[in-house]
Each structure stands twice: as C-alpha cells, then as structure tokens.
Amino acid sequence: MKFSNNGYYIERYIKCSNCGMLLYSDGLKSEIAPNEVFCSKWCIDWSSAKADGVEEPKIPFGHEKLHEIG
C-alpha cells in the first residue's frame, strides 16, 4: 500500500504477485521475475517453482514466518 505524500489517502495498493497479500512496504524483488513484487522469500520460491513447471510446489517454510518482510 502506498500512501500519498501527505498521508491522507492511499495512492495505490501493492499486492504480492504470488498470494495477493496487501503489502505495506515496497515488498521483495526477484531476479527471476523482475517486474513482480513478493511478500516473502517463500512466495518467491513458490512462484519460481511454478514457473519451472512444478504442478504443486512443496516449499518448506523453514524458520522464517510466512509473509514477513525484512
């Protein structure tokens, strides 16, 4: 979500290209999909696997929280 310069209204909504979660920051970029924005490393990995032709990607969550930026 991008707030206006004065902070009174929302200039545009930014959503994760993979899961659609509303982002309150700039999100994460991927070298594989430079025009896309993601909410987490997990969404980047899942989207990459799907693009590589994996029908149902099984990406472990690891120690990061899903949808956590930064």
PDB file of N, CA and C in Angstrom:
ATOM      1  N   MET A   1       0.860  -1.152   0.000  1.00  0.00           N
ATOM      2  CA  MET A   1       0.000   0.000   0.000  1.00  0.00           C
ATOM      3  C   MET A   1       0.911   1.219   0.000  1.00  0.00           C
ATOM      4  N   LYS A   2       0.669   2.120  -0.916  1.00  0.00           N
ATOM      5  CA  LYS A   2       1.473   3.335  -0.982  1.00  0.00           C
ATOM      6  C   LYS A   2       0.602   4.511  -0.596  1.00  0.00           C
ATOM      7  N   PHE A   3       0.978   5.149   0.501  1.00  0.00           N
ATOM      8  CA  PHE A   3       0.246   6.314   0.969  1.00  0.00           C
ATOM      9  C   PHE A   3       0.682   7.544   0.184  1.00  0.00           C
ATOM     10  N   SER A   4      -0.186   8.511   0.092  1.00  0.00           N
ATOM     11  CA  SER A   4       0.141   9.767  -0.583  1.00  0.00           C
ATOM     12  C   SER A   4       1.224  10.494   0.210  1.00  0.00           C
ATOM     13  N   ASN A   5       1.800  11.505  -0.398  1.00  0.00           N
ATOM     14  CA  ASN A   5       2.858  12.270   0.276  1.00  0.00           C
ATOM     15  C   ASN A   5       2.369  12.902   1.573  1.00  0.00           C
ATOM     16  N   ASN A   6       1.103  13.323   1.608  1.00  0.00           N
ATOM     17  CA  ASN A   6       0.597  13.946   2.830  1.00  0.00           C
ATOM     18  C   ASN A   6       0.032  12.910   3.799  1.00  0.00           C
ATOM     19  N   GLY A   7      -0.072  11.642   3.364  1.00  0.00           N
ATOM     20  CA  GLY A   7      -0.511  10.574   4.245  1.00  0.00           C
ATOM     21  C   GLY A   7      -2.010  10.495   4.482  1.00  0.00           C
ATOM     22  N   TYR A   8      -2.794  11.278   3.752  1.00  0.00           N
ATOM     23  CA  TYR A   8      -4.238  11.313   3.981  1.00  0.00           C
ATOM     24  C   TYR A   8      -5.031  10.284   3.173  1.00  0.00           C
ATOM     25  N   TYR A   9      -4.452   9.761   2.139  1.00  0.00           N
ATOM     26  CA  TYR A   9      -5.159   8.774   1.323  1.00  0.00           C
ATOM     27  C   TYR A   9      -4.158   7.773   0.739  1.00  0.00           C
ATOM     28  N   ILE A  10      -4.690   6.681   0.226  1.00  0.00           N
ATOM     29  CA  ILE A  10      -3.843   5.639  -0.360  1.00  0.00           C
ATOM     30  C   ILE A  10      -3.708   5.915  -1.845  1.00  0.00           C
ATOM     31  N   GLU A  11      -2.463   6.096  -2.286  1.00  0.00           N
ATOM     32  CA  GLU A  11      -2.190   6.422  -3.677  1.00  0.00           C
ATOM     33  C   GLU A  11      -2.353   5.190  -4.571  1.00  0.00           C
ATOM     34  N   ARG A  12      -1.872   4.039  -4.097  1.00  0.00           N
ATOM     35  CA  ARG A  12      -2.061   2.790  -4.830  1.00  0.00           C
ATOM     36  C   ARG A  12      -1.870   1.608  -3.898  1.00  0.00           C
ATOM     37  N   TYR A  13      -2.526   0.523  -4.262  1.00  0.00           N
ATOM     38  CA  TYR A  13      -2.415  -0.703  -3.477  1.00  0.00           C
ATOM     39  C   TYR A  13      -1.357  -1.587  -4.111  1.00  0.00           C
ATOM     40  N   ILE A  14      -0.462  -2.136  -3.295  1.00  0.00           N
ATOM     41  CA  ILE A  14       0.581  -3.035  -3.773  1.00  0.00           C
ATOM     42  C   ILE A  14       0.317  -4.399  -3.153  1.00  0.00           C
ATOM     43  N   LYS A  15       0.189  -5.405  -4.010  1.00  0.00           N
ATOM     44  CA  LYS A  15      -0.090  -6.761  -3.533  1.00  0.00           C
ATOM     45  C   LYS A  15       0.996  -7.716  -3.979  1.00  0.00           C
ATOM     46  N   CYS A  16       1.202  -8.771  -3.196  1.00  0.00           N
ATOM     47  CA  CYS A  16       2.148  -9.826  -3.550  1.00  0.00           C
ATOM     48  C   CYS A  16       1.682 -10.460  -4.860  1.00  0.00           C
ATOM     49  N   SER A  17       2.599 -10.621  -5.792  1.00  0.00           N
ATOM     50  CA  SER A  17       2.276 -11.202  -7.089  1.00  0.00           C
ATOM     51  C   SER A  17       1.927 -12.680  -6.991  1.00  0.00           C
ATOM     52  N   ASN A  18       2.301 -13.315  -5.898  1.00  0.00           N
ATOM     53  CA  ASN A  18       2.028 -14.742  -5.738  1.00  0.00           C
ATOM     54  C   ASN A  18       0.741 -14.997  -4.957  1.00  0.00           C
ATOM     55  N   CYS A  19       0.628 -14.445  -3.761  1.00  0.00           N
ATOM     56  CA  CYS A  19      -0.505 -14.783  -2.888  1.00  0.00           C
ATOM     57  C   CYS A  19      -1.551 -13.675  -2.780  1.00  0.00           C
ATOM     58  N   GLY A  20      -1.213 -12.472  -3.241  1.00  0.00           N
ATOM     59  CA  GLY A  20      -2.175 -11.377  -3.217  1.00  0.00           C
ATOM     60  C   GLY A  20      -2.256 -10.609  -1.914  1.00  0.00           C
ATOM     61  N   MET A  21      -1.361 -10.908  -0.977  1.00  0.00           N
ATOM     62  CA  MET A  21      -1.375 -10.204   0.303  1.00  0.00           C
ATOM     63  C   MET A  21      -1.043  -8.722   0.093  1.00  0.00           C
ATOM     64  N   LEU A  22      -1.785  -7.856   0.761  1.00  0.00           N
ATOM     65  CA  LEU A  22      -1.553  -6.429   0.678  1.00  0.00           C
ATOM     66  C   LEU A  22      -0.240  -6.085   1.381  1.00  0.00           C
ATOM     67  N   LEU A  23       0.628  -5.358   0.688  1.00  0.00           N
ATOM     68  CA  LEU A  23       1.942  -5.005   1.227  1.00  0.00           C
ATOM     69  C   LEU A  23       1.938  -3.558   1.712  1.00  0.00           C
ATOM     70  N   TYR A  24       2.530  -3.350   2.873  1.00  0.00           N
ATOM     71  CA  TYR A  24       2.619  -2.009   3.446  1.00  0.00           C
ATOM     72  C   TYR A  24       3.998  -1.396   3.226  1.00  0.00           C
ATOM     73  N   SER A  25       4.831  -2.080   2.447  1.00  0.00           N
ATOM     74  CA  SER A  25       6.152  -1.568   2.095  1.00  0.00           C
ATOM     75  C   SER A  25       6.368  -1.870   0.619  1.00  0.00           C
ATOM     76  N   ASP A  26       7.591  -1.739   0.166  1.00  0.00           N
ATOM     77  CA  ASP A  26       7.893  -1.972  -1.245  1.00  0.00           C
ATOM     78  C   ASP A  26       7.920  -3.446  -1.615  1.00  0.00           C
ATOM     79  N   GLY A  27       7.949  -4.338  -0.625  1.00  0.00           N
ATOM     80  CA  GLY A  27       7.983  -5.771  -0.917  1.00  0.00           C
ATOM     81  C   GLY A  27       9.370  -6.244  -1.331  1.00  0.00           C
ATOM     82  N   LEU A  28       9.438  -7.464  -1.819  1.00  0.00           N
ATOM     83  CA  LEU A  28      10.694  -8.071  -2.238  1.00  0.00           C
ATOM     84  C   LEU A  28      10.690  -8.257  -3.742  1.00  0.00           C
ATOM     85  N   LYS A  29      11.836  -8.064  -4.364  1.00  0.00           N
ATOM     86  CA  LYS A  29      12.002  -8.270  -5.802  1.00  0.00           C
ATOM     87  C   LYS A  29      12.742  -9.581  -6.028  1.00  0.00           C
ATOM     88  N   SER A  30      12.567 -10.130  -7.212  1.00  0.00           N
ATOM     89  CA  SER A  30      13.213 -11.383  -7.579  1.00  0.00           C
ATOM     90  C   SER A  30      13.953 -11.187  -8.898  1.00  0.00           C
ATOM     91  N   GLU A  31      15.145 -11.777  -9.018  1.00  0.00           N
ATOM     92  CA  GLU A  31      15.893 -11.708 -10.272  1.00  0.00           C
ATOM     93  C   GLU A  31      15.175 -12.489 -11.369  1.00  0.00           C
ATOM     94  N   ILE A  32      14.456 -13.529 -10.981  1.00  0.00           N
ATOM     95  CA  ILE A  32      13.764 -14.378 -11.953  1.00  0.00           C
ATOM     96  C   ILE A  32      12.553 -13.652 -12.542  1.00  0.00           C
ATOM     97  N   ALA A  33      11.866 -12.868 -11.730  1.00  0.00           N
ATOM     98  CA  ALA A  33      10.690 -12.109 -12.182  1.00  0.00           C
ATOM     99  C   ALA A  33      10.849 -10.653 -11.757  1.00  0.00           C
ATOM    100  N   PRO A  34      11.659  -9.875 -12.491  1.00  0.00           N
ATOM    101  CA  PRO A  34      11.982  -8.510 -12.055  1.00  0.00           C
ATOM    102  C   PRO A  34      10.796  -7.544 -12.025  1.00  0.00           C
ATOM    103  N   ASN A  35       9.729  -7.839 -12.737  1.00  0.00           N
ATOM    104  CA  ASN A  35       8.570  -6.938 -12.757  1.00  0.00           C
ATOM    105  C   ASN A  35       7.526  -7.299 -11.709  1.00  0.00           C
ATOM    106  N   GLU A  36       7.797  -8.325 -10.927  1.00  0.00           N
ATOM    107  CA  GLU A  36       6.875  -8.786  -9.893  1.00  0.00           C
ATOM    108  C   GLU A  36       7.356  -8.321  -8.520  1.00  0.00           C
ATOM    109  N   VAL A  37       6.439  -8.267  -7.561  1.00  0.00           N
ATOM    110  CA  VAL A  37       6.781  -7.916  -6.180  1.00  0.00           C
ATOM    111  C   VAL A  37       6.174  -8.991  -5.273  1.00  0.00           C
ATOM    112  N   PHE A  38       6.929  -9.398  -4.257  1.00  0.00           N
ATOM    113  CA  PHE A  38       6.514 -10.502  -3.397  1.00  0.00           C
ATOM    114  C   PHE A  38       6.557 -10.089  -1.934  1.00  0.00           C
ATOM    115  N   CYS A  39       5.802 -10.834  -1.099  1.00  0.00           N
ATOM    116  CA  CYS A  39       5.745 -10.522   0.328  1.00  0.00           C
ATOM    117  C   CYS A  39       6.806 -11.283   1.125  1.00  0.00           C
ATOM    118  N   SER A  40       7.314 -12.398   0.596  1.00  0.00           N
ATOM    119  CA  SER A  40       8.277 -13.207   1.344  1.00  0.00           C
ATOM    120  C   SER A  40       9.137 -14.029   0.401  1.00  0.00           C
ATOM    121  N   LYS A  41      10.241 -14.543   0.941  1.00  0.00           N
ATOM    122  CA  LYS A  41      11.123 -15.435   0.183  1.00  0.00           C
ATOM    123  C   LYS A  41      10.360 -16.688  -0.227  1.00  0.00           C
ATOM    124  N   TRP A  42       9.457 -17.153   0.638  1.00  0.00           N
ATOM    125  CA  TRP A  42       8.674 -18.346   0.341  1.00  0.00           C
ATOM    126  C   TRP A  42       7.826 -18.126  -0.922  1.00  0.00           C
ATOM    127  N   CYS A  43       7.209 -16.973  -1.044  1.00  0.00           N
ATOM    128  CA  CYS A  43       6.403 -16.693  -2.224  1.00  0.00           C
ATOM    129  C   CYS A  43       7.261 -16.598  -3.484  1.00  0.00           C
ATOM    130  N   ILE A  44       8.470 -16.073  -3.358  1.00  0.00           N
ATOM    131  CA  ILE A  44       9.393 -16.038  -4.493  1.00  0.00           C
ATOM    132  C   ILE A  44       9.732 -17.462  -4.918  1.00  0.00           C
ATOM    133  N   ASP A  45      10.095 -18.323  -3.953  1.00  0.00           N
ATOM    134  CA  ASP A  45      10.454 -19.708  -4.259  1.00  0.00           C
ATOM    135  C   ASP A  45       9.289 -20.471  -4.863  1.00  0.00           C
ATOM    136  N   TRP A  46       8.081 -20.276  -4.326  1.00  0.00           N
ATOM    137  CA  TRP A  46       6.908 -20.974  -4.825  1.00  0.00           C
ATOM    138  C   TRP A  46       6.612 -20.545  -6.258  1.00  0.00           C
ATOM    139  N   SER A  47       6.665 -19.248  -6.509  1.00  0.00           N
ATOM    140  CA  SER A  47       6.394 -18.721  -7.840  1.00  0.00           C
ATOM    141  C   SER A  47       7.439 -19.218  -8.846  1.00  0.00           C
ATOM    142  N   SER A  48       8.699 -19.290  -8.437  1.00  0.00           N
ATOM    143  CA  SER A  48       9.766 -19.789  -9.309  1.00  0.00           C
ATOM    144  C   SER A  48       9.551 -21.254  -9.654  1.00  0.00           C
ATOM    145  N   ALA A  49       9.180 -22.050  -8.658  1.00  0.00           N
ATOM    146  CA  ALA A  49       8.926 -23.470  -8.892  1.00  0.00           C
ATOM    147  C   ALA A  49       7.748 -23.648  -9.847  1.00  0.00           C
ATOM    148  N   LYS A  50       6.710 -22.871  -9.669  1.00  0.00           N
ATOM    149  CA  LYS A  50       5.532 -22.946 -10.535  1.00  0.00           C
ATOM    150  C   LYS A  50       5.907 -22.561 -11.969  1.00  0.00           C
ATOM    151  N   ALA A  51       6.735 -21.525 -12.124  1.00  0.00           N
ATOM    152  CA  ALA A  51       7.187 -21.088 -13.446  1.00  0.00           C
ATOM    153  C   ALA A  51       8.057 -22.145 -14.120  1.00  0.00           C
ATOM    154  N   ASP A  52       8.763 -22.946 -13.308  1.00  0.00           N
ATOM    155  CA  ASP A  52       9.606 -24.021 -13.843  1.00  0.00           C
ATOM    156  C   ASP A  52       8.803 -25.259 -14.215  1.00  0.00           C
ATOM    157  N   GLY A  53       7.495 -25.203 -14.006  1.00  0.00           N
ATOM    158  CA  GLY A  53       6.647 -26.305 -14.422  1.00  0.00           C
ATOM    159  C   GLY A  53       6.253 -27.286 -13.339  1.00  0.00           C
ATOM    160  N   VAL A  54       6.598 -26.995 -12.087  1.00  0.00           N
ATOM    161  CA  VAL A  54       6.197 -27.874 -10.984  1.00  0.00           C
ATOM    162  C   VAL A  54       4.702 -27.678 -10.757  1.00  0.00           C
ATOM    163  N   GLU A  55       3.931 -28.759 -10.893  1.00  0.00           N
ATOM    164  CA  GLU A  55       2.468 -28.663 -10.798  1.00  0.00           C
ATOM    165  C   GLU A  55       2.000 -28.170  -9.429  1.00  0.00           C
ATOM    166  N   GLU A  56       2.490 -28.814  -8.356  1.00  0.00           N
ATOM    167  CA  GLU A  56       2.139 -28.426  -6.990  1.00  0.00           C
ATOM    168  C   GLU A  56       3.420 -28.292  -6.172  1.00  0.00           C
ATOM    169  N   PRO A  57       4.036 -27.103  -6.180  1.00  0.00           N
ATOM    170  CA  PRO A  57       5.300 -26.917  -5.459  1.00  0.00           C
ATOM    171  C   PRO A  57       5.160 -27.194  -3.966  1.00  0.00           C
ATOM    172  N   LYS A  58       6.126 -27.894  -3.415  1.00  0.00           N
ATOM    173  CA  LYS A  58       6.178 -28.176  -1.977  1.00  0.00           C
ATOM    174  C   LYS A  58       7.417 -27.456  -1.434  1.00  0.00           C
ATOM    175  N   ILE A  59       7.227 -26.236  -0.987  1.00  0.00           N
ATOM    176  CA  ILE A  59       8.324 -25.408  -0.481  1.00  0.00           C
ATOM    177  C   ILE A  59       8.232 -25.391   1.040  1.00  0.00           C
ATOM    178  N   PRO A  60       9.279 -25.873   1.741  1.00  0.00           N
ATOM    179  CA  PRO A  60       9.232 -25.845   3.213  1.00  0.00           C
ATOM    180  C   PRO A  60       9.283 -24.408   3.727  1.00  0.00           C
ATOM    181  N   PHE A  61       8.602 -24.166   4.830  1.00  0.00           N
ATOM    182  CA  PHE A  61       8.564 -22.829   5.410  1.00  0.00           C
ATOM    183  C   PHE A  61       9.883 -22.435   6.065  1.00  0.00           C
ATOM    184  N   GLY A  62      10.640 -23.387   6.557  1.00  0.00           N
ATOM    185  CA  GLY A  62      11.904 -23.049   7.201  1.00  0.00           C
ATOM    186  C   GLY A  62      11.679 -22.323   8.508  1.00  0.00           C
ATOM    187  N   HIS A  63      12.566 -21.402   8.840  1.00  0.00           N
ATOM    188  CA  HIS A  63      12.465 -20.688  10.115  1.00  0.00           C
ATOM    189  C   HIS A  63      11.859 -19.305   9.977  1.00  0.00           C
ATOM    190  N   GLU A  64      11.658 -18.863   8.737  1.00  0.00           N
ATOM    191  CA  GLU A  64      11.056 -17.538   8.566  1.00  0.00           C
ATOM    192  C   GLU A  64       9.539 -17.649   8.710  1.00  0.00           C
ATOM    193  N   LYS A  65       8.948 -16.573   9.115  1.00  0.00           N
ATOM    194  CA  LYS A  65       7.490 -16.523   9.167  1.00  0.00           C
ATOM    195  C   LYS A  65       6.984 -16.207   7.775  1.00  0.00           C
ATOM    196  N   LEU A  66       5.931 -16.871   7.384  1.00  0.00           N
ATOM    197  CA  LEU A  66       5.347 -16.608   6.080  1.00  0.00           C
ATOM    198  C   LEU A  66       4.815 -15.188   6.050  1.00  0.00           C
ATOM    199  N   HIS A  67       5.041 -14.513   4.955  1.00  0.00           N
ATOM    200  CA  HIS A  67       4.575 -13.150   4.734  1.00  0.00           C
ATOM    201  C   HIS A  67       5.261 -12.137   5.641  1.00  0.00           C
ATOM    202  N   GLU A  68       6.487 -12.407   5.999  1.00  0.00           N
ATOM    203  CA  GLU A  68       7.230 -11.446   6.824  1.00  0.00           C
ATOM    204  C   GLU A  68       8.308 -10.811   5.975  1.00  0.00           C
ATOM    205  N   ILE A  69       8.303  -9.509   5.888  1.00  0.00           N
ATOM    206  CA  ILE A  69       9.290  -8.785   5.089  1.00  0.00           C
ATOM    207  C   ILE A  69      10.346  -8.204   6.007  1.00  0.00           C
ATOM    208  N   GLY A  70      11.574  -8.351   5.575  1.00  0.00           N
ATOM    209  CA  GLY A  70      12.630  -7.671   6.271  1.00  0.00           C
ATOM    210  C   GLY A  70      13.411  -8.544   7.139  1.00  0.00           C
TER     211      GLY A  70
END
